[in-house]
Protein backbone atom coordinates (compact mmCIF):
# COMPACT_ATOMS: atom_id res chain seq x y z
CA MET A 1 -69.31 148.34 88.33
CA PHE A 2 -65.59 148.11 86.42
CA PRO A 3 -64.86 151.12 83.79
CA SER A 4 -64.44 149.43 80.19
CA ASP A 5 -61.38 148.38 79.09
CA PRO A 6 -59.15 151.25 77.74
CA PRO A 7 -58.86 151.40 74.04
CA SER A 8 -56.59 148.88 72.15
CA PRO A 9 -53.64 151.25 71.50
CA PRO A 10 -53.38 152.10 67.32
CA PHE A 11 -51.24 148.70 65.85
CA ASP A 12 -47.16 148.84 66.10
CA GLN A 13 -45.62 146.71 63.81
CA THR A 14 -42.33 146.78 66.08
CA ALA A 15 -44.67 145.93 69.11
CA ALA A 16 -46.10 143.96 67.49
CA SER A 17 -43.02 142.36 66.81
CA PRO A 18 -41.46 141.00 69.72
CA PRO A 19 -37.18 141.55 69.28
CA GLY A 20 -35.48 138.65 69.36
CA GLY A 21 -35.85 135.24 68.98
CA CYS A 22 -36.76 132.66 65.60
CA LEU A 23 -40.81 133.06 67.10
CA SER A 24 -40.60 136.28 65.71
CA GLY A 25 -44.28 137.84 64.12
CA LEU A 26 -43.79 138.47 60.56
CA PHE A 27 -40.22 137.15 60.46
CA LEU A 28 -41.49 133.53 61.08
CA PRO A 29 -40.64 131.14 57.77
CA PRO A 30 -37.65 133.03 56.31
CA LEU A 31 -36.68 133.21 60.50
CA ALA A 32 -36.80 129.30 60.98
CA VAL A 33 -35.55 128.36 57.81
CA VAL A 34 -32.37 130.45 59.27
CA CYS A 35 -32.52 129.13 62.99
CA VAL A 36 -33.51 125.20 61.57
CA GLY A 37 -30.15 125.55 59.64
CA ALA A 38 -28.41 127.43 62.63
CA ILE A 39 -29.17 124.27 64.49
CA LEU A 40 -28.87 121.53 61.92
CA ALA A 41 -25.15 123.77 61.47
CA PHE A 42 -24.19 123.43 65.00
CA PHE A 43 -24.71 119.84 65.48
CA TRP A 44 -22.42 119.71 62.21
CA LEU A 45 -20.68 121.29 62.84
CA GLY A 46 -20.49 119.73 66.49
CA THR A 47 -19.87 116.25 65.16
CA GLY A 48 -16.83 117.28 62.69
CA SER A 49 -15.55 119.50 65.22
CA ALA A 50 -15.29 116.17 67.62
CA SER A 51 -14.76 113.19 64.83
CA ALA A 52 -11.80 115.99 63.55
CA ALA A 53 -10.78 116.43 67.21
CA ALA A 54 -10.54 112.52 67.30
CA GLY A 55 -8.74 111.82 64.17
CA LEU A 56 -6.10 113.97 65.39
CA ALA A 57 -5.64 113.04 68.50
CA ALA A 58 -5.62 109.50 66.95
CA GLU A 59 -2.52 111.13 64.86
CA SER A 60 -1.56 112.49 67.34
CA GLY A 61 -0.83 108.34 69.12
CA GLN A 62 0.10 106.68 65.92
CA ASP A 63 3.03 109.82 65.73
CA GLU A 64 3.88 108.90 69.69
CA ALA A 65 3.34 105.54 69.14
CA ALA A 66 5.79 105.57 66.64
CA PRO A 67 9.25 105.82 68.80
CA ALA A 68 7.68 103.58 71.43
CA ALA A 69 7.53 100.61 68.51
CA GLU A 70 10.73 101.61 67.07
CA ALA A 71 12.47 101.17 70.86
CA THR A 72 11.45 98.39 71.34
CA GLU A 73 12.37 96.49 67.93
CA PRO A 74 15.07 94.02 69.48
CA SER A 75 18.18 96.13 68.70
CA VAL A 76 20.71 94.94 66.16
CA ALA A 77 23.89 93.54 68.18
CA ALA A 78 27.71 94.90 67.52
CA GLU A 79 29.25 91.71 65.87
CA PRO A 80 31.46 90.08 68.03
CA ALA A 81 35.63 90.21 67.53
CA GLU A 82 37.28 87.59 65.68
CA GLU A 83 37.30 84.31 68.05
CA GLN A 84 41.25 84.71 67.58
CA PRO A 85 43.18 80.67 66.96
CA SER A 86 44.33 78.73 69.00
CA SER A 87 47.52 78.46 67.46
CA ILE A 88 49.02 79.57 64.99
CA SER A 89 49.27 78.26 61.44
CA PRO A 90 51.47 74.86 61.18
CA VAL A 91 53.36 75.95 57.78
CA PHE A 92 55.28 78.18 59.68
CA GLN A 93 58.80 76.70 60.62
CA PRO A 94 59.66 74.39 63.57
CA ALA A 95 61.30 77.48 65.98
CA VAL A 96 58.78 79.76 65.09
CA GLN A 97 56.75 77.04 66.35
CA TYR A 98 58.42 76.77 69.31
CA TRP A 99 57.37 80.27 70.33
CA GLY A 100 53.48 79.35 69.22
CA GLU A 101 52.28 80.13 73.03
CA ALA A 102 54.03 83.58 73.03
CA ILE A 103 52.62 84.59 70.01
CA LEU A 104 49.29 84.30 70.82
CA ALA A 105 49.69 86.37 73.69
CA TRP A 106 51.36 88.92 71.85
CA ALA A 107 49.01 89.04 69.29
CA ALA A 108 46.69 89.59 71.44
CA ALA A 109 47.99 92.55 73.55
CA ALA A 110 48.83 94.16 70.67
CA GLY A 111 45.98 93.55 68.43
CA LEU A 112 47.05 91.40 65.89
CA ASP A 113 46.94 88.17 64.40
CA PRO A 114 48.64 86.01 65.33
CA ASN A 115 49.78 84.70 62.09
CA LEU A 116 51.19 87.86 60.84
CA VAL A 117 53.05 88.38 64.13
CA ALA A 118 54.25 84.41 62.67
CA THR A 119 55.19 85.92 59.92
CA VAL A 120 56.81 88.33 61.02
CA MET A 121 59.30 86.37 62.98
CA GLN A 122 59.09 84.13 60.30
CA ILE A 123 60.66 86.03 57.98
CA GLU A 124 63.04 88.58 60.07
CA SER A 125 64.74 85.61 62.62
CA CYS A 126 62.83 82.54 62.06
CA GLY A 127 62.27 82.05 66.13
CA ASP A 128 66.31 83.08 66.62
CA PRO A 129 66.28 85.70 69.69
CA ARG A 130 69.23 86.40 69.28
CA ALA A 131 69.36 87.38 66.00
CA LEU A 132 71.01 90.42 64.65
CA SER A 133 71.59 91.89 61.86
CA ARG A 134 73.96 93.79 59.74
CA SER A 135 72.24 96.87 60.26
CA GLY A 136 71.92 96.18 63.82
CA ALA A 137 68.30 94.95 64.12
CA MET A 138 67.97 92.90 66.88
CA GLY A 139 66.15 89.55 68.15
CA LEU A 140 63.17 87.51 67.48
CA PHE A 141 61.38 90.47 65.84
CA GLN A 142 64.37 92.62 64.27
CA VAL A 143 63.50 95.59 66.04
CA MET A 144 66.52 99.10 65.60
CA PRO A 145 68.23 100.06 68.97
CA TYR A 146 65.83 103.44 68.41
CA HIS A 147 62.81 101.48 69.45
CA PHE A 148 64.52 100.44 73.33
CA SER A 149 65.18 102.85 76.22
CA GLU A 150 68.27 102.94 78.19
CA GLU A 151 66.80 99.96 80.35
CA ASP A 152 65.61 97.91 77.99
CA ASP A 153 66.95 94.30 77.24
CA PRO A 154 66.54 94.38 73.53
CA TYR A 155 66.97 90.82 73.12
CA HIS A 156 64.10 89.57 75.92
CA PRO A 157 61.38 88.30 73.88
CA ASP A 158 58.68 89.87 75.89
CA THR A 159 60.64 93.38 74.99
CA ASN A 160 61.28 92.33 71.77
CA ALA A 161 58.25 91.95 70.49
CA GLY A 162 56.86 94.42 72.61
CA ARG A 163 57.89 96.82 70.84
CA GLY A 164 58.64 95.16 67.73
CA LEU A 165 54.72 94.49 67.71
CA ALA A 166 54.37 98.25 68.73
CA TYR A 167 55.54 99.86 65.20
CA LEU A 168 53.91 96.73 63.46
CA LYS A 169 50.19 97.31 64.82
CA ARG A 170 50.40 101.30 63.43
CA SER A 171 51.64 100.15 60.43
CA TRP A 172 49.09 97.95 59.79
CA GLU A 173 46.54 101.01 60.43
CA THR A 174 48.69 103.24 57.90
CA ALA A 175 47.98 100.69 55.39
CA ASP A 176 44.08 99.90 56.37
CA GLY A 177 44.73 96.50 57.64
CA ASP A 178 46.42 95.46 53.92
CA PRO A 179 48.29 93.54 55.14
CA ARG A 180 50.85 93.99 52.30
CA LEU A 181 51.31 96.92 52.66
CA ALA A 182 51.66 96.77 56.76
CA LEU A 183 54.53 94.41 56.05
CA ALA A 184 56.60 96.26 53.39
CA GLY A 185 56.09 99.85 56.11
CA TYR A 186 57.43 97.53 59.16
CA ASN A 187 60.42 96.46 56.88
CA GLY A 188 61.44 100.16 55.32
CA GLY A 189 59.37 102.39 57.12
CA ILE A 190 55.36 103.33 57.66
CA GLY A 191 56.06 106.38 55.41
CA VAL A 192 56.96 103.50 52.40
CA ILE A 193 52.81 102.84 52.88
CA GLY A 194 51.55 106.19 50.48
CA ARG A 195 54.27 105.71 47.54
CA SER A 196 54.12 103.43 44.02
CA GLU A 197 55.71 100.10 45.00
CA SER A 198 58.39 100.93 42.84
CA THR A 199 59.58 103.89 45.06
CA TRP A 200 59.96 100.72 47.45
CA ALA A 201 63.83 99.28 47.44
CA ALA A 202 64.56 95.77 46.85
CA GLU A 203 64.48 94.46 50.06
CA THR A 204 61.41 95.89 50.79
CA GLN A 205 59.54 94.74 47.74
CA ARG A 206 61.05 91.46 48.00
CA TYR A 207 59.78 91.40 51.78
CA ALA A 208 56.31 92.58 51.14
CA TYR A 209 55.98 89.88 48.48
CA TRP A 210 57.96 86.97 50.74
CA GLY A 211 55.58 88.09 54.13
CA SER A 212 52.29 88.98 52.17
CA GLY A 213 52.38 85.41 50.64
CA ILE A 214 52.85 83.31 53.59
CA TYR A 215 49.93 84.76 55.85
CA ALA A 216 47.72 84.24 53.14
CA GLU A 217 48.52 80.98 53.18
CA ALA A 218 48.86 80.63 56.73
CA SER A 219 45.50 82.29 57.01
CA ASP A 220 43.88 80.27 54.38
CA GLY A 221 44.38 77.28 56.23
CA ALA A 222 47.07 75.34 54.19
CA THR A 223 49.82 72.70 55.86
CA GLU A 224 52.49 73.52 53.90
CA SER A 225 53.42 77.48 52.69
CA LEU A 226 54.84 77.06 48.72
CA ARG A 227 55.47 80.93 49.52
CA LEU A 228 57.15 79.75 52.78
CA GLN A 229 58.99 77.02 50.50
CA GLU A 230 60.67 79.72 47.57
CA TRP A 231 61.69 82.28 50.80
CA MET A 232 63.95 79.13 52.73
CA GLY A 233 65.49 78.95 48.92
CA ALA A 234 66.23 81.98 48.46
CA GLY A 235 68.22 81.77 51.91
CA GLY A 236 65.77 81.53 54.46
CA ALA A 237 66.91 78.04 55.00
CA SER A 238 69.43 78.51 56.98
CA LEU A 239 68.67 81.54 59.16
CA CYS A 240 66.32 78.27 60.67
CA ARG A 241 68.75 76.38 60.82
CA GLN A 242 70.75 78.60 63.92
CA ALA A 243 67.90 79.13 65.07
CA ALA A 244 66.48 76.03 65.25
CA SER A 245 70.33 75.77 66.33
CA ARG A 246 69.99 78.77 68.93
CA LEU A 247 67.12 76.67 70.52
CA GLY A 248 68.16 73.22 70.93
CA ILE A 249 65.71 72.06 68.07
CA ASP A 250 65.26 69.62 65.02
CA PRO A 251 65.11 72.11 61.73
């Protein structure tokens, strides 16, 4: 015979409502709502976070891909240097044409336009390698004595061209590629480039006038130069006759 069941303990609300859990006794209806809401929020936040992460990854991917896309674009090639002409302009006098091949080589070595070099030779000596001015300027490019060393032969064409065109190059660069100013600097000294033309010596003004006109017509592809003909009429013809005689060619 079994003893009778022990009497039920008195009602204890705390004991009747096990602690914790979403299904707790008397709080089932409101807690169920809270728990369901929490579950939904969990899934919503998880989905949103995943979407946000995906969005950030996509944005990050775009940012990282942008430089790669730029890198694959074809680069713009540097413009090739202007091709050197195969001959100097036909506007120059025969004694200057005599030096045509040498002028191309000298111009290339100095980084100058051959027609600019020919223009300077035209006005300075008209191609006479033994030309000598009253001021002591010598040779094809009428270079002053102080530009030569003791070992130099000022009348040797290569030496004379090397010294003269080095100075012309400096003048060209100082003038920022302005032919008129570069020619004035060659004749009157580089210092004149930064001064008003009204302060230039009369000789330098004439030199810039003759030279810039001849060079412009030679560069434009003219077959004759009106400015050169004007220069010839102003006294250049005698210089060219002397040069032709020296070289043994027809003037």
